[in-house]
Amino acid sequence: MFKVYDSNFKEVKIPVDRLGFGSRALEINVGPVIYENVYSQSRRADTLVKRYAKDRQVSIVLMVFGMDETDFRMKRDALYSFFRNLGVFFVAEEQQPFKLIKVIVNDDYDIDRRNVIGRCLSPFFCRRRFI
């Protein structure tokens, strides 16, 4: 499970209507930080001079469900609008709420639909310069 925060560090609820239909946070996958290494140029073995943090892959899995097919499509559109309006935002695991990761939607994301319940795998991109 995870939580979403806006750029002002305020928690933003994932869209759910008053009947309980909408999206639910299932899991977050946080990859390791990718580094770029700078080595010295010498006749002997190259030695590491500096190490720059570059990127980190973060993806979330959501469950989207609606009352019927039309409602499901409306919930799907609400989720698309939710991410589009957030822009750059923070995500955090519920077990580690103090560890916020600033992300932006980078790749295409899709909702795998099964009847009126779907799963959304949304990859994000965390640039080190945001943190």
Foldseek 3Di string as FASTA:
>chain_A
DKWWAFPVRHTDDQDADPVGAAKDWDDKDKFDFDKDWDWDDDPDDTDTDDIHTWKIKMKTKMKHFAPFDVRLVVRVVSNVVVLVVRAWIWMDHPVCPVDTAIWHQDDDKDWDDDGGMTMIITMIMGTPVVD
